[in-house]
Amino acid sequence: MVRVNWTKLAAADLKNIADFTTAKYSADQSKSLINSIILKVKNLKALPESGTVIDGITDESMKMIEELPYKILYKIVSSEQIDVLAIHETVSAFNKRNVF
């Protein structure tokens, strides 16, 4: 099974998302979203290739998975390690869909 490493940037992104959603919505909704993001990342342990290649990036080891309204960017470092690089808001998806 693959080991998942959260970079400092990705961990900070997750904390910022938690802070923002708690302030804007509620602690329960924020916790639900954060847990969903963490679960998506944990699923990469068993299915590291499950993400999609990022548009404009030729390095096929760079992939993303979505937990709307966020994209989780990661890199398959080796057959034993994945690095979670960042979590970015998908503004268009957020505007089109009522997530909460």
N, C-alpha and C. Protein backbone atom coordinates (compact mmCIF):
# COMPACT_ATOMS: atom_id res chain seq x y z
N MET A 1 0.84 -1.18 0.00
CA MET A 1 0.00 0.00 0.00
C MET A 1 0.89 1.25 0.00
N VAL A 2 0.43 2.26 -0.66
CA VAL A 2 1.18 3.51 -0.83
C VAL A 2 1.07 4.37 0.44
N ARG A 3 2.16 5.03 0.77
CA ARG A 3 2.16 6.00 1.89
C ARG A 3 1.80 7.37 1.32
N VAL A 4 0.91 8.07 2.02
CA VAL A 4 0.51 9.41 1.60
C VAL A 4 1.18 10.44 2.48
N ASN A 5 1.88 11.37 1.85
CA ASN A 5 2.58 12.45 2.55
C ASN A 5 1.88 13.78 2.24
N TRP A 6 1.45 14.47 3.26
CA TRP A 6 0.87 15.81 3.08
C TRP A 6 1.99 16.84 3.14
N THR A 7 2.16 17.63 2.08
CA THR A 7 3.16 18.71 2.12
C THR A 7 2.67 19.80 3.07
N LYS A 8 3.56 20.67 3.47
CA LYS A 8 3.18 21.78 4.34
C LYS A 8 2.12 22.65 3.69
N LEU A 9 2.26 22.88 2.39
CA LEU A 9 1.28 23.70 1.66
C LEU A 9 -0.09 23.05 1.68
N ALA A 10 -0.16 21.76 1.41
CA ALA A 10 -1.44 21.06 1.39
C ALA A 10 -2.09 21.05 2.78
N ALA A 11 -1.28 20.83 3.81
CA ALA A 11 -1.81 20.85 5.18
C ALA A 11 -2.33 22.24 5.53
N ALA A 12 -1.62 23.28 5.11
CA ALA A 12 -2.07 24.66 5.35
C ALA A 12 -3.35 24.94 4.57
N ASP A 13 -3.43 24.44 3.34
CA ASP A 13 -4.65 24.60 2.55
C ASP A 13 -5.84 23.97 3.26
N LEU A 14 -5.66 22.77 3.78
CA LEU A 14 -6.73 22.07 4.49
C LEU A 14 -7.17 22.85 5.72
N LYS A 15 -6.22 23.38 6.47
CA LYS A 15 -6.56 24.19 7.65
C LYS A 15 -7.31 25.45 7.24
N ASN A 16 -6.86 26.11 6.18
CA ASN A 16 -7.53 27.33 5.71
C ASN A 16 -8.96 27.03 5.25
N ILE A 17 -9.16 25.91 4.61
CA ILE A 17 -10.50 25.51 4.19
C ILE A 17 -11.38 25.29 5.41
N ALA A 18 -10.83 24.62 6.40
CA ALA A 18 -11.59 24.37 7.64
C ALA A 18 -11.96 25.69 8.32
N ASP A 19 -11.01 26.59 8.42
CA ASP A 19 -11.27 27.90 9.06
C ASP A 19 -12.33 28.68 8.28
N PHE A 20 -12.19 28.71 6.96
CA PHE A 20 -13.13 29.46 6.12
C PHE A 20 -14.54 28.88 6.20
N THR A 21 -14.66 27.56 6.04
CA THR A 21 -16.00 26.97 6.03
C THR A 21 -16.65 27.01 7.40
N THR A 22 -15.87 26.94 8.46
CA THR A 22 -16.44 27.07 9.81
C THR A 22 -17.00 28.46 10.01
N ALA A 23 -16.25 29.48 9.56
CA ALA A 23 -16.70 30.87 9.72
C ALA A 23 -17.89 31.19 8.83
N LYS A 24 -17.91 30.65 7.62
CA LYS A 24 -18.95 30.99 6.65
C LYS A 24 -20.22 30.14 6.82
N TYR A 25 -20.08 28.88 7.20
CA TYR A 25 -21.22 27.98 7.28
C TYR A 25 -21.43 27.53 8.72
N SER A 26 -20.96 26.36 9.05
CA SER A 26 -21.06 25.87 10.42
C SER A 26 -19.93 24.88 10.69
N ALA A 27 -19.71 24.62 11.95
CA ALA A 27 -18.66 23.67 12.32
C ALA A 27 -18.98 22.28 11.79
N ASP A 28 -20.24 21.87 11.83
CA ASP A 28 -20.62 20.55 11.34
C ASP A 28 -20.41 20.43 9.84
N GLN A 29 -20.80 21.44 9.08
CA GLN A 29 -20.61 21.41 7.63
C GLN A 29 -19.13 21.42 7.27
N SER A 30 -18.37 22.21 8.01
CA SER A 30 -16.93 22.26 7.78
C SER A 30 -16.30 20.91 8.07
N LYS A 31 -16.67 20.31 9.18
CA LYS A 31 -16.12 19.01 9.55
C LYS A 31 -16.46 17.96 8.50
N SER A 32 -17.67 18.00 7.99
CA SER A 32 -18.09 17.05 6.95
C SER A 32 -17.24 17.20 5.69
N LEU A 33 -17.02 18.44 5.26
CA LEU A 33 -16.20 18.69 4.08
C LEU A 33 -14.76 18.24 4.29
N ILE A 34 -14.19 18.60 5.42
CA ILE A 34 -12.80 18.23 5.71
C ILE A 34 -12.66 16.70 5.75
N ASN A 35 -13.62 16.03 6.39
CA ASN A 35 -13.58 14.57 6.44
C ASN A 35 -13.68 13.96 5.05
N SER A 36 -14.49 14.56 4.18
CA SER A 36 -14.62 14.08 2.80
C SER A 36 -13.32 14.23 2.04
N ILE A 37 -12.64 15.36 2.23
CA ILE A 37 -11.34 15.58 1.57
C ILE A 37 -10.32 14.56 2.07
N ILE A 38 -10.27 14.37 3.37
CA ILE A 38 -9.32 13.42 3.96
C ILE A 38 -9.61 12.00 3.47
N LEU A 39 -10.88 11.62 3.38
CA LEU A 39 -11.24 10.30 2.89
C LEU A 39 -10.81 10.11 1.44
N LYS A 40 -11.02 11.13 0.60
CA LYS A 40 -10.58 11.04 -0.80
C LYS A 40 -9.08 10.79 -0.87
N VAL A 41 -8.33 11.49 -0.04
CA VAL A 41 -6.87 11.33 -0.03
C VAL A 41 -6.50 9.93 0.48
N LYS A 42 -7.17 9.46 1.53
CA LYS A 42 -6.88 8.11 2.04
C LYS A 42 -7.14 7.05 0.99
N ASN A 43 -8.17 7.26 0.16
CA ASN A 43 -8.48 6.29 -0.90
C ASN A 43 -7.34 6.16 -1.90
N LEU A 44 -6.49 7.17 -1.99
CA LEU A 44 -5.34 7.11 -2.90
C LEU A 44 -4.34 6.02 -2.49
N LYS A 45 -4.36 5.64 -1.22
CA LYS A 45 -3.45 4.58 -0.77
C LYS A 45 -3.68 3.30 -1.56
N ALA A 46 -4.95 3.00 -1.79
CA ALA A 46 -5.28 1.77 -2.52
C ALA A 46 -5.36 2.00 -4.03
N LEU A 47 -5.69 3.22 -4.44
CA LEU A 47 -5.88 3.52 -5.86
C LEU A 47 -5.12 4.78 -6.26
N PRO A 48 -3.80 4.74 -6.24
CA PRO A 48 -3.02 5.95 -6.52
C PRO A 48 -3.20 6.50 -7.93
N GLU A 49 -3.56 5.66 -8.87
CA GLU A 49 -3.73 6.09 -10.25
C GLU A 49 -5.16 6.57 -10.54
N SER A 50 -6.00 6.65 -9.52
CA SER A 50 -7.42 6.97 -9.74
C SER A 50 -7.67 8.43 -10.14
N GLY A 51 -6.73 9.30 -9.89
CA GLY A 51 -6.91 10.70 -10.26
C GLY A 51 -6.75 10.93 -11.75
N THR A 52 -7.07 12.13 -12.18
CA THR A 52 -6.92 12.49 -13.58
C THR A 52 -5.68 13.35 -13.76
N VAL A 53 -5.11 13.26 -14.93
CA VAL A 53 -3.95 14.09 -15.26
C VAL A 53 -4.41 15.54 -15.31
N ILE A 54 -3.58 16.43 -14.83
CA ILE A 54 -3.92 17.86 -14.76
C ILE A 54 -3.72 18.49 -16.13
N ASP A 55 -4.75 19.21 -16.60
CA ASP A 55 -4.67 19.90 -17.90
C ASP A 55 -3.43 20.79 -17.96
N GLY A 56 -2.70 20.69 -19.05
CA GLY A 56 -1.54 21.54 -19.27
C GLY A 56 -0.26 21.02 -18.64
N ILE A 57 -0.34 19.93 -17.87
CA ILE A 57 0.83 19.35 -17.23
C ILE A 57 1.19 18.05 -17.97
N THR A 58 2.39 17.97 -18.47
CA THR A 58 2.79 16.77 -19.23
C THR A 58 3.29 15.65 -18.34
N ASP A 59 3.62 15.96 -17.11
CA ASP A 59 4.10 14.95 -16.16
C ASP A 59 2.90 14.13 -15.67
N GLU A 60 2.80 12.89 -16.14
CA GLU A 60 1.65 12.05 -15.80
C GLU A 60 1.65 11.57 -14.35
N SER A 61 2.71 11.84 -13.61
CA SER A 61 2.72 11.50 -12.19
C SER A 61 1.99 12.58 -11.37
N MET A 62 1.70 13.71 -12.01
CA MET A 62 0.94 14.79 -11.36
C MET A 62 -0.53 14.56 -11.68
N LYS A 63 -1.34 14.40 -10.64
CA LYS A 63 -2.75 14.10 -10.84
C LYS A 63 -3.60 14.93 -9.89
N MET A 64 -4.92 14.84 -10.12
CA MET A 64 -5.85 15.51 -9.22
C MET A 64 -7.09 14.67 -9.02
N ILE A 65 -7.70 14.85 -7.86
CA ILE A 65 -9.00 14.29 -7.57
C ILE A 65 -9.86 15.43 -7.09
N GLU A 66 -11.17 15.28 -7.22
CA GLU A 66 -12.06 16.36 -6.82
C GLU A 66 -12.92 15.97 -5.63
N GLU A 67 -13.10 16.91 -4.78
CA GLU A 67 -14.10 16.88 -3.71
C GLU A 67 -14.70 18.28 -3.76
N LEU A 68 -15.70 18.41 -4.63
CA LEU A 68 -16.24 19.74 -4.94
C LEU A 68 -16.63 20.49 -3.68
N PRO A 69 -16.26 21.74 -3.63
CA PRO A 69 -15.74 22.58 -4.70
C PRO A 69 -14.21 22.66 -4.77
N TYR A 70 -13.52 21.59 -4.37
CA TYR A 70 -12.06 21.62 -4.32
C TYR A 70 -11.42 20.56 -5.23
N LYS A 71 -10.22 20.90 -5.69
CA LYS A 71 -9.37 19.96 -6.42
C LYS A 71 -8.17 19.68 -5.53
N ILE A 72 -7.87 18.42 -5.37
CA ILE A 72 -6.74 17.98 -4.56
C ILE A 72 -5.65 17.55 -5.53
N LEU A 73 -4.54 18.27 -5.52
CA LEU A 73 -3.43 18.00 -6.43
C LEU A 73 -2.40 17.12 -5.74
N TYR A 74 -1.96 16.07 -6.44
CA TYR A 74 -0.98 15.18 -5.85
C TYR A 74 0.01 14.66 -6.89
N LYS A 75 1.11 14.15 -6.39
CA LYS A 75 2.17 13.60 -7.25
C LYS A 75 2.48 12.19 -6.79
N ILE A 76 2.53 11.28 -7.75
CA ILE A 76 2.96 9.92 -7.45
C ILE A 76 4.48 9.94 -7.49
N VAL A 77 5.08 9.94 -6.33
CA VAL A 77 6.54 10.04 -6.21
C VAL A 77 7.20 8.72 -6.57
N SER A 78 6.61 7.63 -6.08
CA SER A 78 7.11 6.29 -6.36
C SER A 78 5.96 5.31 -6.16
N SER A 79 6.24 4.03 -6.32
CA SER A 79 5.20 3.03 -6.08
C SER A 79 4.86 2.92 -4.60
N GLU A 80 5.64 3.61 -3.77
CA GLU A 80 5.43 3.56 -2.33
C GLU A 80 5.01 4.88 -1.71
N GLN A 81 5.02 5.98 -2.49
CA GLN A 81 4.72 7.29 -1.89
C GLN A 81 3.96 8.21 -2.84
N ILE A 82 2.97 8.89 -2.25
CA ILE A 82 2.23 9.96 -2.92
C ILE A 82 2.39 11.21 -2.07
N ASP A 83 2.64 12.34 -2.72
CA ASP A 83 2.68 13.62 -2.02
C ASP A 83 1.44 14.43 -2.39
N VAL A 84 0.67 14.81 -1.38
CA VAL A 84 -0.45 15.73 -1.60
C VAL A 84 0.18 17.12 -1.65
N LEU A 85 0.01 17.80 -2.79
CA LEU A 85 0.71 19.06 -3.03
C LEU A 85 -0.08 20.29 -2.63
N ALA A 86 -1.37 20.30 -2.94
CA ALA A 86 -2.18 21.49 -2.67
C ALA A 86 -3.65 21.14 -2.82
N ILE A 87 -4.49 22.01 -2.28
CA ILE A 87 -5.93 21.89 -2.44
C ILE A 87 -6.42 23.26 -2.90
N HIS A 88 -7.07 23.27 -4.08
CA HIS A 88 -7.54 24.53 -4.65
C HIS A 88 -9.04 24.51 -4.85
N GLU A 89 -9.63 25.65 -4.64
CA GLU A 89 -11.07 25.78 -4.88
C GLU A 89 -11.35 25.82 -6.38
N THR A 90 -12.37 25.09 -6.78
CA THR A 90 -12.84 25.11 -8.15
C THR A 90 -13.97 26.12 -8.20
N VAL A 91 -13.65 27.34 -8.51
CA VAL A 91 -14.61 28.44 -8.43
C VAL A 91 -15.83 28.18 -9.30
N SER A 92 -15.62 27.71 -10.52
CA SER A 92 -16.76 27.51 -11.40
C SER A 92 -17.71 26.45 -10.85
N ALA A 93 -17.17 25.38 -10.27
CA ALA A 93 -18.02 24.35 -9.69
C ALA A 93 -18.75 24.89 -8.48
N PHE A 94 -18.08 25.70 -7.69
CA PHE A 94 -18.69 26.29 -6.50
C PHE A 94 -19.85 27.19 -6.89
N ASN A 95 -19.68 27.97 -7.94
CA ASN A 95 -20.73 28.88 -8.38
C ASN A 95 -21.91 28.14 -9.01
N LYS A 96 -21.67 27.01 -9.64
CA LYS A 96 -22.72 26.27 -10.32
C LYS A 96 -23.52 25.38 -9.39
N ARG A 97 -22.94 25.05 -8.27
CA ARG A 97 -23.52 24.05 -7.40
C ARG A 97 -23.63 24.57 -5.99
N ASN A 98 -24.71 24.27 -5.32
CA ASN A 98 -24.85 24.62 -3.91
C ASN A 98 -24.28 23.47 -3.09
N VAL A 99 -23.07 23.62 -2.63
CA VAL A 99 -22.39 22.53 -1.93
C VAL A 99 -22.96 22.34 -0.54
N PHE A 100 -23.32 23.41 0.12
CA PHE A 100 -23.84 23.30 1.49
C PHE A 100 -25.31 23.56 1.52
